[in-house]
Full PDB file with SEQRES, HELIX, SHEET, SSBOND, CRYST1, ORIGX, SCALE, CONECT and MASTER records, all heavy atoms in Angstrom:
SEQRES   1 A   30  ARG PRO PRO LEU GLU LEU ALA GLY PHE TYR VAL ASP GLN          
SEQRES   2 A   30  PHE PRO ASP ASN ASP LEU ALA ARG GLU ARG ALA GLN ARG          
SEQRES   3 A   30  HIS ASN LEU LYS                                              
HELIX    1 AA1 ALA A   20  ARG A   26  1                                   7    
CRYST1    1.000    1.000    1.000  90.00  90.00  90.00 P 1           1          
ORIGX1      1.000000  0.000000  0.000000        0.00000                         
ORIGX2      0.000000  1.000000  0.000000        0.00000                         
ORIGX3      0.000000  0.000000  1.000000        0.00000                         
SCALE1      1.000000  0.000000  0.000000        0.00000                         
SCALE2      0.000000  1.000000  0.000000        0.00000                         
SCALE3      0.000000  0.000000  1.000000        0.00000                         
ATOM      1  N   ARG A   1      80.102  17.254  64.511  1.00  0.00           N  
ATOM      2  CA  ARG A   1      80.622  18.333  63.669  1.00  0.00           C  
ATOM      3  C   ARG A   1      79.458  18.942  62.903  1.00  0.00           C  
ATOM      4  O   ARG A   1      78.792  18.256  62.123  1.00  0.00           O  
ATOM      5  CB  ARG A   1      81.659  17.800  62.674  1.00  0.00           C  
ATOM      6  CG  ARG A   1      82.947  17.309  63.319  1.00  0.00           C  
ATOM      7  CD  ARG A   1      83.847  18.472  63.672  1.00  0.00           C  
ATOM      8  NE  ARG A   1      85.121  18.027  64.214  1.00  0.00           N  
ATOM      9  CZ  ARG A   1      86.109  18.838  64.562  1.00  0.00           C  
ATOM     10  NH1 ARG A   1      85.939  20.151  64.439  1.00  0.00           N  
ATOM     11  NH2 ARG A   1      87.236  18.377  65.044  1.00  0.00           N  
ATOM     12  N   PRO A   2      79.158  20.215  63.107  1.00  0.00           N  
ATOM     13  CA  PRO A   2      78.020  20.816  62.414  1.00  0.00           C  
ATOM     14  C   PRO A   2      78.155  20.705  60.898  1.00  0.00           C  
ATOM     15  O   PRO A   2      79.258  20.851  60.349  1.00  0.00           O  
ATOM     16  CB  PRO A   2      78.080  22.284  62.851  1.00  0.00           C  
ATOM     17  CG  PRO A   2      78.774  22.261  64.158  1.00  0.00           C  
ATOM     18  CD  PRO A   2      79.799  21.165  64.038  1.00  0.00           C  
ATOM     19  N   PRO A   3      77.051  20.434  60.198  1.00  0.00           N  
ATOM     20  CA  PRO A   3      77.072  20.358  58.740  1.00  0.00           C  
ATOM     21  C   PRO A   3      77.061  21.746  58.102  1.00  0.00           C  
ATOM     22  O   PRO A   3      76.570  21.915  56.985  1.00  0.00           O  
ATOM     23  CB  PRO A   3      75.795  19.586  58.418  1.00  0.00           C  
ATOM     24  CG  PRO A   3      74.864  19.970  59.519  1.00  0.00           C  
ATOM     25  CD  PRO A   3      75.717  20.137  60.746  1.00  0.00           C  
ATOM     26  N   LEU A   4      77.558  22.751  58.820  1.00  0.00           N  
ATOM     27  CA  LEU A   4      77.603  24.125  58.344  1.00  0.00           C  
ATOM     28  C   LEU A   4      79.039  24.618  58.326  1.00  0.00           C  
ATOM     29  O   LEU A   4      79.855  24.199  59.142  1.00  0.00           O  
ATOM     30  CB  LEU A   4      76.777  25.048  59.259  1.00  0.00           C  
ATOM     31  CG  LEU A   4      75.318  24.693  59.530  1.00  0.00           C  
ATOM     32  CD1 LEU A   4      74.706  25.701  60.494  1.00  0.00           C  
ATOM     33  CD2 LEU A   4      74.517  24.638  58.234  1.00  0.00           C  
ATOM     34  N   GLU A   5      79.328  25.532  57.427  1.00  0.00           N  
ATOM     35  CA  GLU A   5      80.641  26.159  57.356  1.00  0.00           C  
ATOM     36  C   GLU A   5      80.526  27.627  57.751  1.00  0.00           C  
ATOM     37  O   GLU A   5      79.742  28.374  57.160  1.00  0.00           O  
ATOM     38  CB  GLU A   5      81.200  26.075  55.928  1.00  0.00           C  
ATOM     39  CG  GLU A   5      82.535  26.795  55.755  1.00  0.00           C  
ATOM     40  CD  GLU A   5      82.970  26.892  54.315  1.00  0.00           C  
ATOM     41  OE1 GLU A   5      82.361  26.227  53.449  1.00  0.00           O  
ATOM     42  OE2 GLU A   5      83.924  27.662  54.036  1.00  0.00           O  
ATOM     43  N   LEU A   6      81.269  28.024  58.782  1.00  0.00           N  
ATOM     44  CA  LEU A   6      81.324  29.434  59.143  1.00  0.00           C  
ATOM     45  C   LEU A   6      82.207  30.142  58.123  1.00  0.00           C  
ATOM     46  O   LEU A   6      83.428  29.996  58.120  1.00  0.00           O  
ATOM     47  CB  LEU A   6      81.887  29.609  60.556  1.00  0.00           C  
ATOM     48  CG  LEU A   6      82.068  31.052  61.038  1.00  0.00           C  
ATOM     49  CD1 LEU A   6      80.788  31.856  60.894  1.00  0.00           C  
ATOM     50  CD2 LEU A   6      82.567  31.088  62.477  1.00  0.00           C  
ATOM     51  N   ALA A   7      81.574  30.911  57.244  1.00  0.00           N  
ATOM     52  CA  ALA A   7      82.302  31.544  56.143  1.00  0.00           C  
ATOM     53  C   ALA A   7      82.369  33.058  56.302  1.00  0.00           C  
ATOM     54  O   ALA A   7      83.412  33.679  56.059  1.00  0.00           O  
ATOM     55  CB  ALA A   7      81.634  31.193  54.811  1.00  0.00           C  
ATOM     56  N   GLY A   8      81.264  33.684  56.693  1.00  0.00           N  
ATOM     57  CA  GLY A   8      81.231  35.128  56.881  1.00  0.00           C  
ATOM     58  C   GLY A   8      81.306  35.477  58.354  1.00  0.00           C  
ATOM     59  O   GLY A   8      80.508  34.971  59.155  1.00  0.00           O  
ATOM     60  N   PHE A   9      82.228  36.325  58.742  1.00  0.00           N  
ATOM     61  CA  PHE A   9      82.467  36.624  60.157  1.00  0.00           C  
ATOM     62  C   PHE A   9      82.581  38.137  60.305  1.00  0.00           C  
ATOM     63  O   PHE A   9      83.458  38.768  59.705  1.00  0.00           O  
ATOM     64  CB  PHE A   9      83.750  35.928  60.601  1.00  0.00           C  
ATOM     65  CG  PHE A   9      83.944  35.822  62.090  1.00  0.00           C  
ATOM     66  CD1 PHE A   9      82.891  35.956  62.983  1.00  0.00           C  
ATOM     67  CD2 PHE A   9      85.210  35.551  62.606  1.00  0.00           C  
ATOM     68  CE1 PHE A   9      83.089  35.837  64.346  1.00  0.00           C  
ATOM     69  CE2 PHE A   9      85.419  35.435  63.969  1.00  0.00           C  
ATOM     70  CZ  PHE A   9      84.360  35.571  64.841  1.00  0.00           C  
ATOM     71  N   TYR A  10      81.679  38.719  61.104  1.00  0.00           N  
ATOM     72  CA  TYR A  10      81.741  40.147  61.404  1.00  0.00           C  
ATOM     73  C   TYR A  10      81.769  40.314  62.910  1.00  0.00           C  
ATOM     74  O   TYR A  10      80.955  39.719  63.632  1.00  0.00           O  
ATOM     75  CB  TYR A  10      80.528  40.887  60.830  1.00  0.00           C  
ATOM     76  CG  TYR A  10      80.439  42.322  61.309  1.00  0.00           C  
ATOM     77  CD1 TYR A  10      81.213  43.324  60.720  1.00  0.00           C  
ATOM     78  CD2 TYR A  10      79.600  42.672  62.370  1.00  0.00           C  
ATOM     79  CE1 TYR A  10      81.145  44.640  61.178  1.00  0.00           C  
ATOM     80  CE2 TYR A  10      79.521  43.980  62.828  1.00  0.00           C  
ATOM     81  CZ  TYR A  10      80.302  44.958  62.230  1.00  0.00           C  
ATOM     82  OH  TYR A  10      80.254  46.244  62.688  1.00  0.00           O  
ATOM     83  N   VAL A  11      82.703  41.111  63.413  1.00  0.00           N  
ATOM     84  CA  VAL A  11      82.838  41.366  64.848  1.00  0.00           C  
ATOM     85  C   VAL A  11      82.858  42.874  65.053  1.00  0.00           C  
ATOM     86  O   VAL A  11      83.638  43.590  64.426  1.00  0.00           O  
ATOM     87  CB  VAL A  11      84.109  40.717  65.417  1.00  0.00           C  
ATOM     88  CG1 VAL A  11      84.196  40.954  66.923  1.00  0.00           C  
ATOM     89  CG2 VAL A  11      84.143  39.217  65.108  1.00  0.00           C  
ATOM     90  N   ASP A  12      82.002  43.350  65.956  1.00  0.00           N  
ATOM     91  CA  ASP A  12      81.830  44.789  66.147  1.00  0.00           C  
ATOM     92  C   ASP A  12      82.862  45.390  67.097  1.00  0.00           C  
ATOM     93  O   ASP A  12      83.331  46.510  66.879  1.00  0.00           O  
ATOM     94  CB  ASP A  12      80.423  45.058  66.674  1.00  0.00           C  
ATOM     95  CG  ASP A  12      80.002  46.513  66.526  1.00  0.00           C  
ATOM     96  OD1 ASP A  12      80.332  47.124  65.491  1.00  0.00           O  
ATOM     97  OD2 ASP A  12      79.345  47.040  67.433  1.00  0.00           O  
ATOM     98  N   GLN A  13      83.227  44.651  68.157  1.00  0.00           N  
ATOM     99  CA  GLN A  13      84.140  45.189  69.166  1.00  0.00           C  
ATOM    100  C   GLN A  13      85.226  44.172  69.498  1.00  0.00           C  
ATOM    101  O   GLN A  13      84.982  42.961  69.488  1.00  0.00           O  
ATOM    102  CB  GLN A  13      83.375  45.566  70.439  1.00  0.00           C  
ATOM    103  CG  GLN A  13      82.351  46.666  70.233  1.00  0.00           C  
ATOM    104  CD  GLN A  13      81.605  47.020  71.511  1.00  0.00           C  
ATOM    105  OE1 GLN A  13      81.796  46.406  72.563  1.00  0.00           O  
ATOM    106  NE2 GLN A  13      80.737  48.026  71.428  1.00  0.00           N  
ATOM    107  N   PHE A  14      86.420  44.679  69.816  1.00  0.00           N  
ATOM    108  CA  PHE A  14      87.564  43.833  70.122  1.00  0.00           C  
ATOM    109  C   PHE A  14      88.157  44.244  71.472  1.00  0.00           C  
ATOM    110  O   PHE A  14      89.071  45.064  71.531  1.00  0.00           O  
ATOM    111  CB  PHE A  14      88.621  43.940  69.024  1.00  0.00           C  
ATOM    112  CG  PHE A  14      88.151  43.460  67.675  1.00  0.00           C  
ATOM    113  CD1 PHE A  14      87.519  44.333  66.798  1.00  0.00           C  
ATOM    114  CD2 PHE A  14      88.321  42.140  67.282  1.00  0.00           C  
ATOM    115  CE1 PHE A  14      87.077  43.909  65.552  1.00  0.00           C  
ATOM    116  CE2 PHE A  14      87.882  41.699  66.050  1.00  0.00           C  
ATOM    117  CZ  PHE A  14      87.256  42.589  65.173  1.00  0.00           C  
ATOM    118  N   PRO A  15      87.644  43.685  72.579  1.00  0.00           N  
ATOM    119  CA  PRO A  15      88.188  44.023  73.894  1.00  0.00           C  
ATOM    120  C   PRO A  15      89.591  43.449  74.069  1.00  0.00           C  
ATOM    121  O   PRO A  15      90.085  42.691  73.213  1.00  0.00           O  
ATOM    122  CB  PRO A  15      87.194  43.367  74.849  1.00  0.00           C  
ATOM    123  CG  PRO A  15      86.624  42.220  74.072  1.00  0.00           C  
ATOM    124  CD  PRO A  15      86.559  42.699  72.646  1.00  0.00           C  
ATOM    125  N   ASP A  16      90.224  43.793  75.174  1.00  0.00           N  
ATOM    126  CA  ASP A  16      91.592  43.319  75.425  1.00  0.00           C  
ATOM    127  C   ASP A  16      91.673  41.799  75.459  1.00  0.00           C  
ATOM    128  O   ASP A  16      92.702  41.218  75.067  1.00  0.00           O  
ATOM    129  CB  ASP A  16      92.119  43.895  76.745  1.00  0.00           C  
ATOM    130  CG  ASP A  16      92.332  45.397  76.678  1.00  0.00           C  
ATOM    131  OD1 ASP A  16      92.443  45.915  75.550  1.00  0.00           O  
ATOM    132  OD2 ASP A  16      92.381  46.047  77.739  1.00  0.00           O  
ATOM    133  N   ASN A  17      90.626  41.140  75.927  1.00  0.00           N  
ATOM    134  CA  ASN A  17      90.626  39.674  75.994  1.00  0.00           C  
ATOM    135  C   ASN A  17      89.899  39.052  74.802  1.00  0.00           C  
ATOM    136  O   ASN A  17      89.299  37.977  74.902  1.00  0.00           O  
ATOM    137  CB  ASN A  17      90.001  39.200  77.306  1.00  0.00           C  
ATOM    138  CG  ASN A  17      88.614  39.778  77.552  1.00  0.00           C  
ATOM    139  OD1 ASN A  17      88.168  40.677  76.831  1.00  0.00           O  
ATOM    140  ND2 ASN A  17      87.916  39.268  78.555  1.00  0.00           N  
ATOM    141  N   ASP A  18      89.959  39.708  73.664  1.00  0.00           N  
ATOM    142  CA  ASP A  18      89.310  39.246  72.435  1.00  0.00           C  
ATOM    143  C   ASP A  18      89.819  37.874  72.012  1.00  0.00           C  
ATOM    144  O   ASP A  18      91.016  37.586  72.084  1.00  0.00           O  
ATOM    145  CB  ASP A  18      89.560  40.254  71.315  1.00  0.00           C  
ATOM    146  CG  ASP A  18      89.183  39.698  69.955  1.00  0.00           C  
ATOM    147  OD1 ASP A  18      87.990  39.411  69.754  1.00  0.00           O  
ATOM    148  OD2 ASP A  18      90.088  39.536  69.113  1.00  0.00           O  
ATOM    149  N   LEU A  19      88.891  37.030  71.549  1.00  0.00           N  
ATOM    150  CA  LEU A  19      89.241  35.721  70.999  1.00  0.00           C  
ATOM    151  C   LEU A  19      88.950  35.625  69.504  1.00  0.00           C  
ATOM    152  O   LEU A  19      89.314  34.640  68.874  1.00  0.00           O  
ATOM    153  CB  LEU A  19      88.448  34.621  71.730  1.00  0.00           C  
ATOM    154  CG  LEU A  19      88.748  34.417  73.217  1.00  0.00           C  
ATOM    155  CD1 LEU A  19      87.802  33.374  73.800  1.00  0.00           C  
ATOM    156  CD2 LEU A  19      90.195  33.993  73.425  1.00  0.00           C  
ATOM    157  N   ALA A  20      88.290  36.621  68.945  1.00  0.00           N  
ATOM    158  CA  ALA A  20      87.888  36.544  67.538  1.00  0.00           C  
ATOM    159  C   ALA A  20      89.092  36.426  66.613  1.00  0.00           C  
ATOM    160  O   ALA A  20      89.101  35.606  65.689  1.00  0.00           O  
ATOM    161  CB  ALA A  20      87.055  37.768  67.171  1.00  0.00           C  
ATOM    162  N   ARG A  21      90.098  37.251  66.841  1.00  0.00           N  
ATOM    163  CA  ARG A  21      91.264  37.237  65.954  1.00  0.00           C  
ATOM    164  C   ARG A  21      92.010  35.914  66.044  1.00  0.00           C  
ATOM    165  O   ARG A  21      92.488  35.379  65.034  1.00  0.00           O  
ATOM    166  CB  ARG A  21      92.194  38.412  66.300  1.00  0.00           C  
ATOM    167  CG  ARG A  21      91.590  39.790  65.986  1.00  0.00           C  
ATOM    168  CD  ARG A  21      92.632  40.871  66.156  1.00  0.00           C  
ATOM    169  NE  ARG A  21      92.129  42.200  65.820  1.00  0.00           N  
ATOM    170  CZ  ARG A  21      91.681  43.085  66.698  1.00  0.00           C  
ATOM    171  NH1 ARG A  21      91.659  42.764  67.993  1.00  0.00           N  
ATOM    172  NH2 ARG A  21      91.246  44.268  66.319  1.00  0.00           N  
ATOM    173  N   GLU A  22      92.122  35.353  67.252  1.00  0.00           N  
ATOM    174  CA  GLU A  22      92.800  34.062  67.408  1.00  0.00           C  
ATOM    175  C   GLU A  22      92.037  32.968  66.691  1.00  0.00           C  
ATOM    176  O   GLU A  22      92.618  32.125  66.004  1.00  0.00           O  
ATOM    177  CB  GLU A  22      92.950  33.739  68.898  1.00  0.00           C  
ATOM    178  CG  GLU A  22      93.787  32.496  69.184  1.00  0.00           C  
ATOM    179  CD  GLU A  22      93.019  31.186  69.062  1.00  0.00           C  
ATOM    180  OE1 GLU A  22      91.772  31.214  69.236  1.00  0.00           O  
ATOM    181  OE2 GLU A  22      93.645  30.146  68.761  1.00  0.00           O  
ATOM    182  N   ARG A  23      90.697  32.968  66.833  1.00  0.00           N  
ATOM    183  CA  ARG A  23      89.894  31.950  66.158  1.00  0.00           C  
ATOM    184  C   ARG A  23      90.009  32.095  64.637  1.00  0.00           C  
ATOM    185  O   ARG A  23      90.111  31.107  63.909  1.00  0.00           O  
ATOM    186  CB  ARG A  23      88.428  32.073  66.573  1.00  0.00           C  
ATOM    187  CG  ARG A  23      88.134  31.824  68.054  1.00  0.00           C  
ATOM    188  CD  ARG A  23      88.566  30.450  68.510  1.00  0.00           C  
ATOM    189  NE  ARG A  23      87.978  30.112  69.809  1.00  0.00           N  
ATOM    190  CZ  ARG A  23      88.575  30.263  70.982  1.00  0.00           C  
ATOM    191  NH1 ARG A  23      89.806  30.789  71.036  1.00  0.00           N  
ATOM    192  NH2 ARG A  23      87.969  29.897  72.112  1.00  0.00           N  
ATOM    193  N   ALA A  24      89.993  33.327  64.163  1.00  0.00           N  
ATOM    194  CA  ALA A  24      90.098  33.562  62.723  1.00  0.00           C  
ATOM    195  C   ALA A  24      91.436  33.085  62.182  1.00  0.00           C  
ATOM    196  O   ALA A  24      91.507  32.447  61.113  1.00  0.00           O  
ATOM    197  CB  ALA A  24      89.905  35.046  62.432  1.00  0.00           C  
ATOM    198  N   GLN A  25      92.495  33.362  62.912  1.00  0.00           N  
ATOM    199  CA  GLN A  25      93.827  32.947  62.456  1.00  0.00           C  
ATOM    200  C   GLN A  25      93.963  31.426  62.471  1.00  0.00           C  
ATOM    201  O   GLN A  25      94.481  30.819  61.524  1.00  0.00           O  
ATOM    202  CB  GLN A  25      94.900  33.576  63.343  1.00  0.00           C  
ATOM    203  CG  GLN A  25      96.326  33.240  62.907  1.00  0.00           C  
ATOM    204  CD  GLN A  25      97.367  33.915  63.791  1.00  0.00           C  
ATOM    205  OE1 GLN A  25      97.055  34.412  64.868  1.00  0.00           O  
ATOM    206  NE2 GLN A  25      98.604  33.940  63.336  1.00  0.00           N  
ATOM    207  N   ARG A  26      93.480  30.807  63.543  1.00  0.00           N  
ATOM    208  CA  ARG A  26      93.635  29.350  63.684  1.00  0.00           C  
ATOM    209  C   ARG A  26      92.831  28.593  62.639  1.00  0.00           C  
ATOM    210  O   ARG A  26      93.244  27.518  62.181  1.00  0.00           O  
ATOM    211  CB  ARG A  26      93.206  28.944  65.096  1.00  0.00           C  
ATOM    212  CG  ARG A  26      93.216  27.453  65.363  1.00  0.00           C  
ATOM    213  CD  ARG A  26      93.575  27.139  66.806  1.00  0.00           C  
ATOM    214  NE  ARG A  26      92.727  27.835  67.744  1.00  0.00           N  
ATOM    215  CZ  ARG A  26      91.663  27.291  68.355  1.00  0.00           C  
ATOM    216  NH1 ARG A  26      91.323  26.045  68.073  1.00  0.00           N  
ATOM    217  NH2 ARG A  26      90.962  27.978  69.226  1.00  0.00           N  
ATOM    218  N   HIS A  27      91.693  29.151  62.233  1.00  0.00           N  
ATOM    219  CA  HIS A  27      90.811  28.446  61.298  1.00  0.00           C  
ATOM    220  C   HIS A  27      90.811  29.077  59.901  1.00  0.00           C  
ATOM    221  O   HIS A  27      89.930  28.773  59.098  1.00  0.00           O  
ATOM    222  CB  HIS A  27      89.393  28.399  61.856  1.00  0.00           C  
ATOM    223  CG  HIS A  27      89.274  27.543  63.086  1.00  0.00           C  
ATOM    224  ND1 HIS A  27      89.059  26.192  63.031  1.00  0.00           N  
ATOM    225  CD2 HIS A  27      89.357  27.861  64.415  1.00  0.00           C  
ATOM    226  CE1 HIS A  27      88.988  25.699  64.266  1.00  0.00           C  
ATOM    227  NE2 HIS A  27      89.165  26.696  65.123  1.00  0.00           N  
ATOM    228  N   ASN A  28      91.794  29.935  59.630  1.00  0.00           N  
ATOM    229  CA  ASN A  28      91.906  30.576  58.319  1.00  0.00           C  
ATOM    230  C   ASN A  28      90.587  31.227  57.926  1.00  0.00           C  
ATOM    231  O   ASN A  28      90.059  31.040  56.826  1.00  0.00           O  
ATOM    232  CB  ASN A  28      92.334  29.558  57.254  1.00  0.00           C  
ATOM    233  CG  ASN A  28      92.790  30.222  55.969  1.00  0.00           C  
ATOM    234  OD1 ASN A  28      93.274  31.363  55.976  1.00  0.00           O  
ATOM    235  ND2 ASN A  28      92.629  29.535  54.852  1.00  0.00           N  
ATOM    236  N   LEU A  29      90.053  32.013  58.840  1.00  0.00           N  
ATOM    237  CA  LEU A  29      88.746  32.642  58.685  1.00  0.00           C  
ATOM    238  C   LEU A  29      88.916  34.144  58.603  1.00  0.00           C  
ATOM    239  O   LEU A  29      89.600  34.750  59.429  1.00  0.00           O  
ATOM    240  CB  LEU A  29      87.868  32.275  59.890  1.00  0.00           C  
ATOM    241  CG  LEU A  29      86.452  32.823  59.956  1.00  0.00           C  
ATOM    242  CD1 LEU A  29      85.603  32.264  58.819  1.00  0.00           C  
ATOM    243  CD2 LEU A  29      85.822  32.463  61.304  1.00  0.00           C  
ATOM    244  N   LYS A  30      88.300  34.754  57.624  1.00  0.00           N  
ATOM    245  CA  LYS A  30      88.413  36.200  57.440  1.00  0.00           C  
ATOM    246  C   LYS A  30      87.350  36.929  58.256  1.00  0.00           C  
ATOM    247  O   LYS A  30      86.177  36.548  58.252  1.00  0.00           O  
ATOM    248  CB  LYS A  30      88.263  36.569  55.967  1.00  0.00           C  
ATOM    249  CG  LYS A  30      88.406  38.064  55.690  1.00  0.00           C  
ATOM    250  CD  LYS A  30      88.329  38.363  54.200  1.00  0.00           C  
ATOM    251  CE  LYS A  30      88.454  39.858  53.940  1.00  0.00           C  
ATOM    252  NZ  LYS A  30      88.404  40.169  52.491  1.00  0.00           N  
TER     253      LYS A  30                                                      
MASTER        0    0    0    1    0    0    0    6  252    1    0    3          
END                                                                             
């Protein structure tokens, strides 16, 4: 388990098969 916390998340493009939103929702990540 990385000793880092992913806190800031910026995504430039959201294709039809995007996973960013799912990952953000599952991990309570903005």
